[in-house]
Amino acid sequence: MKHSTRLCILLIVITGTNLQAQTPRYVEMASTLRDIYKRLNDSQDSLQECREFFEAFPNTFADFDSLYGYEHDPSIMYHEYEAHVENVFRNLHCVSDSAYFKKLIQLGIGGHWEADAVGSLQQTIHERMLANPRLAFQLLANLPPKSVSSFFYFFFNGIHAPYNRIPKEFAALRTTFPQVYQGCEEGFRRGLNDSGH
């Protein structure tokens, strides 16, 4: 019995992957993303593969973190986050801005800052939100206040808070989207409070 326990521990250490992300669902998601990513890189006309990648990419923070994150050990796709998040997902232009923002918002809800893949996702959200805050606020206006606040918590959370005040691009929308801005303020306070500062 002790020998099998040691063998199991050794396998966990050798594989270096987070067992939570080894569930059949995540193994299948990882396989699909890897296949599409390979086809995307091999294709001259990659519009179809680009859309497939977008559809296969996680829709929630929990799924994203389980695939690309690092919780005590690297997850199943941790070593691929730069290629997938920074090189492909961040630069997708094969879907509408509205569809892209909806996915970004869903990925941010329930999120919290972590280094590496999660930090890269957060940076992607920062860049896109600041480039088109009106669209983001329009979509956030359709969500419950708790979800809006949760999204902004992720936006503002970090070991070193990414912002020491609400960006002027958001403040300019205060009167147009008062409830979203209220969630922004709440998420900002909580995110800043839970940061390293």
C-alpha atoms as a PDB file:
ATOM      1  CA  MET A   1       0.000   0.000   0.000  1.00  0.00           C
ATOM      2  CA  LYS A   2       2.770   2.419   0.891  1.00  0.00           C
ATOM      3  CA  HIS A   3       4.545   1.650  -2.371  1.00  0.00           C
ATOM      4  CA  SER A   4       1.471   2.550  -4.440  1.00  0.00           C
ATOM      5  CA  THR A   5       0.995   5.786  -2.479  1.00  0.00           C
ATOM      6  CA  ARG A   6       4.599   6.781  -3.157  1.00  0.00           C
ATOM      7  CA  LEU A   7       4.192   5.885  -6.811  1.00  0.00           C
ATOM      8  CA  CYS A   8       1.070   8.054  -7.063  1.00  0.00           C
ATOM      9  CA  ILE A   9       2.847  11.001  -5.426  1.00  0.00           C
ATOM     10  CA  LEU A  10       5.821  10.515  -7.731  1.00  0.00           C
ATOM     11  CA  LEU A  11       3.526  10.562 -10.781  1.00  0.00           C
ATOM     12  CA  ILE A  12       1.917  13.777  -9.609  1.00  0.00           C
ATOM     13  CA  VAL A  13       5.313  15.409  -9.129  1.00  0.00           C
ATOM     14  CA  ILE A  14       6.620  14.130 -12.475  1.00  0.00           C
ATOM     15  CA  THR A  15       3.614  15.232 -14.489  1.00  0.00           C
ATOM     16  CA  GLY A  16       3.553  18.566 -12.697  1.00  0.00           C
ATOM     17  CA  THR A  17      -0.048  19.221 -13.598  1.00  0.00           C
ATOM     18  CA  ASN A  18      -2.958  20.228 -11.477  1.00  0.00           C
ATOM     19  CA  LEU A  19      -5.184  17.172 -10.955  1.00  0.00           C
ATOM     20  CA  GLN A  20      -8.342  19.298 -10.940  1.00  0.00           C
ATOM     21  CA  ALA A  21      -7.661  20.178 -14.561  1.00  0.00           C
ATOM     22  CA  GLN A  22      -7.237  16.508 -15.441  1.00  0.00           C
ATOM     23  CA  THR A  23     -10.955  15.788 -15.375  1.00  0.00           C
ATOM     24  CA  PRO A  24     -12.231  14.331 -18.670  1.00  0.00           C
ATOM     25  CA  ARG A  25     -14.025  17.592 -19.436  1.00  0.00           C
ATOM     26  CA  TYR A  26     -10.835  19.661 -19.175  1.00  0.00           C
ATOM     27  CA  VAL A  27      -8.767  17.068 -21.001  1.00  0.00           C
ATOM     28  CA  GLU A  28     -11.286  17.228 -23.857  1.00  0.00           C
ATOM     29  CA  MET A  29     -11.326  21.051 -23.838  1.00  0.00           C
ATOM     30  CA  ALA A  30      -7.515  21.112 -23.901  1.00  0.00           C
ATOM     31  CA  SER A  31      -7.380  18.638 -26.767  1.00  0.00           C
ATOM     32  CA  THR A  32      -9.877  20.682 -28.781  1.00  0.00           C
ATOM     33  CA  LEU A  33      -8.026  23.956 -28.181  1.00  0.00           C
ATOM     34  CA  ARG A  34      -4.681  22.385 -29.083  1.00  0.00           C
ATOM     35  CA  ASP A  35      -6.087  20.929 -32.294  1.00  0.00           C
ATOM     36  CA  ILE A  36      -7.682  24.210 -33.361  1.00  0.00           C
ATOM     37  CA  TYR A  37      -4.560  26.178 -32.418  1.00  0.00           C
ATOM     38  CA  LYS A  38      -2.427  23.892 -34.607  1.00  0.00           C
ATOM     39  CA  ARG A  39      -4.846  24.234 -37.533  1.00  0.00           C
ATOM     40  CA  LEU A  40      -4.958  27.997 -36.985  1.00  0.00           C
ATOM     41  CA  ASN A  41      -1.175  28.218 -37.239  1.00  0.00           C
ATOM     42  CA  ASP A  42      -1.051  25.928 -40.291  1.00  0.00           C
ATOM     43  CA  SER A  43      -3.843  27.670 -42.203  1.00  0.00           C
ATOM     44  CA  GLN A  44      -3.429  30.410 -44.781  1.00  0.00           C
ATOM     45  CA  ASP A  45      -7.104  31.419 -44.560  1.00  0.00           C
ATOM     46  CA  SER A  46      -7.719  31.011 -40.859  1.00  0.00           C
ATOM     47  CA  LEU A  47     -11.107  32.706 -40.445  1.00  0.00           C
ATOM     48  CA  GLN A  48     -12.898  29.404 -39.742  1.00  0.00           C
ATOM     49  CA  GLU A  49     -10.216  28.230 -37.301  1.00  0.00           C
ATOM     50  CA  CYS A  50     -10.208  31.631 -35.621  1.00  0.00           C
ATOM     51  CA  ARG A  51     -13.949  31.391 -34.978  1.00  0.00           C
ATOM     52  CA  GLU A  52     -13.587  27.799 -33.775  1.00  0.00           C
ATOM     53  CA  PHE A  53     -10.844  28.847 -31.370  1.00  0.00           C
ATOM     54  CA  PHE A  54     -13.044  31.621 -30.015  1.00  0.00           C
ATOM     55  CA  GLU A  55     -15.929  29.199 -29.501  1.00  0.00           C
ATOM     56  CA  ALA A  56     -13.706  26.586 -27.830  1.00  0.00           C
ATOM     57  CA  PHE A  57     -11.957  29.105 -25.574  1.00  0.00           C
ATOM     58  CA  PRO A  58     -13.250  28.984 -21.972  1.00  0.00           C
ATOM     59  CA  ASN A  59     -16.375  30.981 -21.142  1.00  0.00           C
ATOM     60  CA  THR A  60     -15.871  31.310 -17.385  1.00  0.00           C
ATOM     61  CA  PHE A  61     -13.053  32.273 -15.083  1.00  0.00           C
ATOM     62  CA  ALA A  62     -13.228  28.878 -13.360  1.00  0.00           C
ATOM     63  CA  ASP A  63     -12.756  27.031 -16.657  1.00  0.00           C
ATOM     64  CA  PHE A  64     -10.010  29.403 -17.780  1.00  0.00           C
ATOM     65  CA  ASP A  65      -8.136  29.020 -14.493  1.00  0.00           C
ATOM     66  CA  SER A  66      -8.554  25.240 -14.529  1.00  0.00           C
ATOM     67  CA  LEU A  67      -7.063  25.047 -18.023  1.00  0.00           C
ATOM     68  CA  TYR A  68      -4.367  27.734 -17.982  1.00  0.00           C
ATOM     69  CA  GLY A  69      -3.852  28.681 -14.330  1.00  0.00           C
ATOM     70  CA  TYR A  70      -1.361  27.627 -11.707  1.00  0.00           C
ATOM     71  CA  GLU A  71      -2.759  26.386  -8.401  1.00  0.00           C
ATOM     72  CA  HIS A  72       0.090  24.712  -6.472  1.00  0.00           C
ATOM     73  CA  ASP A  73       1.022  23.036  -9.779  1.00  0.00           C
ATOM     74  CA  PRO A  74       0.654  24.072 -13.397  1.00  0.00           C
ATOM     75  CA  SER A  75      -2.701  23.205 -14.919  1.00  0.00           C
ATOM     76  CA  ILE A  76      -3.131  21.124 -18.041  1.00  0.00           C
ATOM     77  CA  MET A  77      -2.473  24.022 -20.475  1.00  0.00           C
ATOM     78  CA  TYR A  78      -0.413  26.328 -18.278  1.00  0.00           C
ATOM     79  CA  HIS A  79       2.604  26.207 -20.591  1.00  0.00           C
ATOM     80  CA  GLU A  80       0.437  27.171 -23.568  1.00  0.00           C
ATOM     81  CA  TYR A  81      -1.133  30.316 -22.158  1.00  0.00           C
ATOM     82  CA  GLU A  82       1.249  32.691 -23.939  1.00  0.00           C
ATOM     83  CA  ALA A  83       0.496  31.177 -27.336  1.00  0.00           C
ATOM     84  CA  HIS A  84      -3.238  30.848 -26.703  1.00  0.00           C
ATOM     85  CA  VAL A  85      -4.024  33.961 -24.653  1.00  0.00           C
ATOM     86  CA  GLU A  86      -1.423  36.511 -25.702  1.00  0.00           C
ATOM     87  CA  ASN A  87      -0.872  35.511 -29.322  1.00  0.00           C
ATOM     88  CA  VAL A  88      -4.356  34.378 -30.362  1.00  0.00           C
ATOM     89  CA  PHE A  89      -7.185  35.311 -27.987  1.00  0.00           C
ATOM     90  CA  ARG A  90      -5.916  38.847 -27.310  1.00  0.00           C
ATOM     91  CA  ASN A  91      -5.706  39.546 -31.041  1.00  0.00           C
ATOM     92  CA  LEU A  92      -8.897  37.927 -32.326  1.00  0.00           C
ATOM     93  CA  HIS A  93     -10.736  39.949 -34.952  1.00  0.00           C
ATOM     94  CA  CYS A  94     -12.837  37.199 -36.513  1.00  0.00           C
ATOM     95  CA  VAL A  95     -15.886  37.734 -34.281  1.00  0.00           C
ATOM     96  CA  SER A  96     -17.943  40.818 -33.597  1.00  0.00           C
ATOM     97  CA  ASP A  97     -16.805  43.217 -30.903  1.00  0.00           C
ATOM     98  CA  SER A  98     -20.037  42.487 -29.063  1.00  0.00           C
ATOM     99  CA  ALA A  99     -19.404  38.715 -28.995  1.00  0.00           C
ATOM    100  CA  TYR A 100     -15.792  39.264 -27.959  1.00  0.00           C
ATOM    101  CA  PHE A 101     -16.758  41.635 -25.131  1.00  0.00           C
ATOM    102  CA  LYS A 102     -19.471  39.281 -23.888  1.00  0.00           C
ATOM    103  CA  LYS A 103     -16.858  36.542 -23.554  1.00  0.00           C
ATOM    104  CA  LEU A 104     -14.384  38.901 -21.853  1.00  0.00           C
ATOM    105  CA  ILE A 105     -17.037  39.951 -19.360  1.00  0.00           C
ATOM    106  CA  GLN A 106     -18.014  36.350 -18.592  1.00  0.00           C
ATOM    107  CA  LEU A 107     -14.335  35.468 -18.119  1.00  0.00           C
ATOM    108  CA  GLY A 108     -13.929  38.332 -15.653  1.00  0.00           C
ATOM    109  CA  ILE A 109     -16.960  37.536 -13.489  1.00  0.00           C
ATOM    110  CA  GLY A 110     -15.830  35.560 -10.462  1.00  0.00           C
ATOM    111  CA  GLY A 111     -12.186  36.214 -11.271  1.00  0.00           C
ATOM    112  CA  HIS A 112      -9.301  37.248  -9.070  1.00  0.00           C
ATOM    113  CA  TRP A 113      -5.785  38.219  -9.954  1.00  0.00           C
ATOM    114  CA  GLU A 114      -3.098  35.593 -10.281  1.00  0.00           C
ATOM    115  CA  ALA A 115       0.214  35.746 -12.086  1.00  0.00           C
ATOM    116  CA  ASP A 116       0.900  34.379 -15.546  1.00  0.00           C
ATOM    117  CA  ALA A 117      -2.169  33.238 -17.503  1.00  0.00           C
ATOM    118  CA  VAL A 118      -4.752  35.011 -15.345  1.00  0.00           C
ATOM    119  CA  GLY A 119      -2.656  38.178 -15.365  1.00  0.00           C
ATOM    120  CA  SER A 120      -2.453  37.930 -19.146  1.00  0.00           C
ATOM    121  CA  LEU A 121      -6.241  37.573 -19.374  1.00  0.00           C
ATOM    122  CA  GLN A 122      -6.644  40.564 -17.082  1.00  0.00           C
ATOM    123  CA  GLN A 123      -4.285  42.602 -19.282  1.00  0.00           C
ATOM    124  CA  THR A 124      -6.353  41.632 -22.334  1.00  0.00           C
ATOM    125  CA  ILE A 125      -9.508  42.835 -20.577  1.00  0.00           C
ATOM    126  CA  HIS A 126      -7.793  46.100 -19.604  1.00  0.00           C
ATOM    127  CA  GLU A 127      -6.694  46.798 -23.180  1.00  0.00           C
ATOM    128  CA  ARG A 128     -10.060  46.016 -24.760  1.00  0.00           C
ATOM    129  CA  MET A 129     -12.147  47.784 -22.100  1.00  0.00           C
ATOM    130  CA  LEU A 130     -10.152  50.983 -22.365  1.00  0.00           C
ATOM    131  CA  ALA A 131     -10.314  50.863 -26.163  1.00  0.00           C
ATOM    132  CA  ASN A 132     -14.133  50.598 -26.213  1.00  0.00           C
ATOM    133  CA  PRO A 133     -15.590  51.329 -22.765  1.00  0.00           C
ATOM    134  CA  ARG A 134     -19.011  52.336 -24.102  1.00  0.00           C
ATOM    135  CA  LEU A 135     -19.656  48.890 -25.609  1.00  0.00           C
ATOM    136  CA  ALA A 136     -18.439  47.178 -22.449  1.00  0.00           C
ATOM    137  CA  PHE A 137     -20.715  49.309 -20.255  1.00  0.00           C
ATOM    138  CA  GLN A 138     -23.683  48.698 -22.602  1.00  0.00           C
ATOM    139  CA  LEU A 139     -23.222  44.939 -22.223  1.00  0.00           C
ATOM    140  CA  LEU A 140     -22.589  45.143 -18.482  1.00  0.00           C
ATOM    141  CA  ALA A 141     -25.842  47.128 -18.112  1.00  0.00           C
ATOM    142  CA  ASN A 142     -27.735  43.911 -18.985  1.00  0.00           C
ATOM    143  CA  LEU A 143     -26.240  41.986 -16.050  1.00  0.00           C
ATOM    144  CA  PRO A 144     -27.232  41.800 -12.379  1.00  0.00           C
ATOM    145  CA  PRO A 145     -25.397  44.289 -10.127  1.00  0.00           C
ATOM    146  CA  LYS A 146     -23.456  41.484  -8.381  1.00  0.00           C
ATOM    147  CA  SER A 147     -22.040  40.294 -11.696  1.00  0.00           C
ATOM    148  CA  VAL A 148     -21.056  43.834 -12.675  1.00  0.00           C
ATOM    149  CA  SER A 149     -19.279  44.374  -9.366  1.00  0.00           C
ATOM    150  CA  SER A 150     -17.584  40.982  -9.666  1.00  0.00           C
ATOM    151  CA  PHE A 151     -16.344  41.799 -13.149  1.00  0.00           C
ATOM    152  CA  PHE A 152     -14.868  45.107 -11.983  1.00  0.00           C
ATOM    153  CA  TYR A 153     -13.346  43.424  -8.951  1.00  0.00           C
ATOM    154  CA  PHE A 154     -11.322  41.281 -11.359  1.00  0.00           C
ATOM    155  CA  PHE A 155     -10.527  44.314 -13.493  1.00  0.00           C
ATOM    156  CA  PHE A 156      -9.060  46.223 -10.536  1.00  0.00           C
ATOM    157  CA  ASN A 157      -7.590  43.382  -8.456  1.00  0.00           C
ATOM    158  CA  GLY A 158      -3.875  42.630  -8.458  1.00  0.00           C
ATOM    159  CA  ILE A 159      -0.817  42.101  -6.324  1.00  0.00           C
ATOM    160  CA  HIS A 160       0.082  45.651  -7.294  1.00  0.00           C
ATOM    161  CA  ALA A 161      -3.231  47.292  -8.066  1.00  0.00           C
ATOM    162  CA  PRO A 162      -3.236  48.109 -11.781  1.00  0.00           C
ATOM    163  CA  TYR A 163      -5.093  51.386 -11.162  1.00  0.00           C
ATOM    164  CA  ASN A 164      -5.082  53.760  -8.210  1.00  0.00           C
ATOM    165  CA  ARG A 165      -8.272  55.432  -9.476  1.00  0.00           C
ATOM    166  CA  ILE A 166     -11.093  54.597 -11.837  1.00  0.00           C
ATOM    167  CA  PRO A 167      -9.944  55.278 -15.410  1.00  0.00           C
ATOM    168  CA  LYS A 168     -11.268  58.496 -16.930  1.00  0.00           C
ATOM    169  CA  GLU A 169     -12.735  56.450 -19.810  1.00  0.00           C
ATOM    170  CA  PHE A 170     -15.094  54.827 -17.278  1.00  0.00           C
ATOM    171  CA  ALA A 171     -15.790  58.006 -15.308  1.00  0.00           C
ATOM    172  CA  ALA A 172     -16.969  59.647 -18.540  1.00  0.00           C
ATOM    173  CA  LEU A 173     -19.797  57.073 -18.676  1.00  0.00           C
ATOM    174  CA  ARG A 174     -20.966  57.675 -15.106  1.00  0.00           C
ATOM    175  CA  THR A 175     -24.181  59.497 -15.998  1.00  0.00           C
ATOM    176  CA  THR A 176     -25.011  57.353 -19.054  1.00  0.00           C
ATOM    177  CA  PHE A 177     -24.682  54.049 -17.162  1.00  0.00           C
ATOM    178  CA  PRO A 178     -25.130  54.931 -13.467  1.00  0.00           C
ATOM    179  CA  GLN A 179     -25.774  51.374 -12.263  1.00  0.00           C
ATOM    180  CA  VAL A 180     -22.775  49.982 -14.128  1.00  0.00           C
ATOM    181  CA  TYR A 181     -20.643  52.797 -12.764  1.00  0.00           C
ATOM    182  CA  GLN A 182     -21.861  52.003  -9.256  1.00  0.00           C
ATOM    183  CA  GLY A 183     -20.695  48.392  -9.782  1.00  0.00           C
ATOM    184  CA  CYS A 184     -17.438  49.772 -11.123  1.00  0.00           C
ATOM    185  CA  GLU A 185     -16.915  51.821  -7.954  1.00  0.00           C
ATOM    186  CA  GLU A 186     -17.739  48.837  -5.741  1.00  0.00           C
ATOM    187  CA  GLY A 187     -15.450  46.526  -7.681  1.00  0.00           C
ATOM    188  CA  PHE A 188     -12.715  49.155  -7.596  1.00  0.00           C
ATOM    189  CA  ARG A 189     -12.927  49.515  -3.791  1.00  0.00           C
ATOM    190  CA  ARG A 190     -12.938  45.765  -3.197  1.00  0.00           C
ATOM    191  CA  GLY A 191     -10.246  45.082  -5.787  1.00  0.00           C
ATOM    192  CA  LEU A 192      -7.988  47.775  -4.400  1.00  0.00           C
ATOM    193  CA  ASN A 193      -8.635  46.629  -0.836  1.00  0.00           C
ATOM    194  CA  ASP A 194      -7.656  43.038  -1.692  1.00  0.00           C
ATOM    195  CA  SER A 195      -4.560  44.097  -3.635  1.00  0.00           C
ATOM    196  CA  GLY A 196      -1.057  44.127  -2.293  1.00  0.00           C
ATOM    197  CA  HIS A 197      -1.463  47.843  -1.426  1.00  0.00           C
END
